[in-house]
Protein backbone atom coordinates (compact mmCIF):
# COMPACT_ATOMS: atom_id res chain seq x y z
CA MET A 1 0.07 -0.04 0.03
CA GLU A 2 1.28 3.44 -0.99
CA PRO A 3 1.21 6.27 1.49
CA GLN A 4 -1.66 8.71 1.14
CA ALA A 5 -2.04 12.35 2.18
CA ALA A 6 -5.23 14.35 1.51
CA MET A 7 -6.86 17.48 2.87
CA LEU A 8 -10.13 16.64 4.53
CA PRO A 9 -13.34 18.53 3.19
CA ASP A 10 -13.14 21.05 5.94
CA GLY A 11 -9.93 22.46 4.34
CA ARG A 12 -8.19 22.70 7.69
CA ARG A 13 -7.09 19.18 8.58
CA LEU A 14 -4.71 16.77 6.74
CA HIS A 15 -5.39 12.97 6.66
CA LEU A 16 -2.21 10.90 6.54
CA ASN A 17 -2.30 7.14 6.08
CA HIS A 18 0.34 4.46 5.42
CA GLY A 19 -0.20 0.85 6.58
CA PRO A 20 -0.99 0.93 10.28
CA ILE A 21 -0.26 4.65 10.52
CA ASP A 22 -3.57 6.70 10.25
CA LEU A 23 -3.40 10.33 11.41
CA ILE A 24 -5.53 13.39 11.16
CA VAL A 25 -3.41 16.47 11.89
CA GLU A 26 -4.24 20.18 11.93
CA ALA A 27 -1.63 22.89 11.88
CA PHE A 28 -2.20 26.40 13.32
CA GLY A 29 -0.62 29.68 12.12
CA PRO A 30 -0.36 31.87 9.13
CA ASP A 31 -1.54 30.14 5.89
CA GLU A 32 2.04 29.96 4.40
CA GLU A 33 3.30 28.23 7.65
CA ARG A 34 0.36 25.81 7.72
CA ALA A 35 0.97 24.92 4.01
CA ALA A 36 4.69 24.36 4.71
CA ALA A 37 3.84 22.26 7.71
CA TYR A 38 1.44 20.06 5.70
CA ALA A 39 3.97 19.78 2.85
CA GLN A 40 6.55 18.50 5.44
CA ALA A 41 4.08 16.05 6.93
CA THR A 42 3.23 14.70 3.46
CA ASP A 43 6.89 14.25 2.65
CA ARG A 44 7.49 12.44 5.90
CA ILE A 45 4.66 9.99 5.63
CA ARG A 46 6.36 8.60 2.51
CA THR A 47 9.48 7.39 4.43
CA ILE A 48 8.62 6.88 8.11
CA LEU A 49 7.06 3.41 7.82
CA THR A 50 9.94 1.94 5.97
CA GLU A 51 12.30 3.55 8.47
CA LEU A 52 10.39 2.06 11.40
CA VAL A 53 10.05 -1.43 9.83
CA GLY A 54 13.81 -1.73 9.61
CA GLU A 55 14.00 -1.56 13.37
CA LEU A 56 10.74 -3.25 14.28
CA PRO A 57 12.01 -6.35 16.20
CA ALA A 58 13.95 -4.06 18.59
CA LEU A 59 11.00 -1.62 18.85
CA ARG A 60 8.79 -4.55 19.79
CA SER A 61 11.23 -5.62 22.57
CA PRO A 62 11.15 -4.33 26.13
CA SER A 63 12.89 -1.18 26.92
CA GLY A 64 15.13 -0.66 29.97
CA PRO A 65 16.13 2.45 31.96
CA ALA A 66 18.97 3.23 29.62
CA PRO A 67 17.73 4.04 26.13
CA ARG A 68 19.05 1.80 23.30
CA ARG A 69 20.73 3.27 20.25
CA PHE A 70 18.43 3.05 17.32
CA HIS A 71 19.37 4.39 13.79
CA GLY A 72 16.15 6.37 12.82
CA ILE A 73 15.31 9.53 14.65
CA THR A 74 11.65 8.49 15.12
CA ALA A 75 12.69 5.10 16.65
CA ARG A 76 15.19 7.07 18.98
CA ARG A 77 12.38 9.34 20.06
CA MET A 78 10.01 6.46 20.64
CA GLU A 79 12.66 4.81 22.92
CA ALA A 80 13.45 8.05 24.71
CA ALA A 81 9.79 8.41 25.50
CA VAL A 82 9.38 5.04 27.24
CA SER A 83 12.84 4.31 28.84
CA PRO A 84 12.19 6.55 31.89
CA LEU A 85 9.05 4.42 32.48
CA ALA A 86 10.69 1.01 32.04
CA GLY A 87 11.95 0.28 35.53
CA ASP A 88 10.51 -3.25 36.49
CA ASP A 89 7.54 -2.91 34.19
CA PHE A 90 7.25 -4.33 30.70
CA ILE A 91 7.12 -1.55 28.09
CA THR A 92 8.15 -1.26 24.47
CA PRO A 93 8.51 1.79 22.28
CA MET A 94 5.77 0.30 20.00
C-alpha cells in the first residue's frame, strides 16, 4: 500500500495514512506556515514506515532504563519516551 495524504473536506485538517499509521493532523498559524507544515508532513509519511520497519524487532522488545541506540530519529524518540518508564515494568517503544 502506498502512503496517502489528503486534505479533509473542511480544508483545515490533513489525513495521512500508510499501513498501520492513520493520522488526522491540524496545523495552526499563518496560511503559508500551515501549508509548509502540511507539505513536510506529506513528505515524511512517505518514508517513516519503511524507516520503522527496519527496526521493528527491537521496537517490539522491552525497553530498559538506559535508552538503546536506534538508527532512525523516530525510533530514537520512541525509545526516549518510554525508557524513563521502564523500571521493572514491561514496556516497548511500540
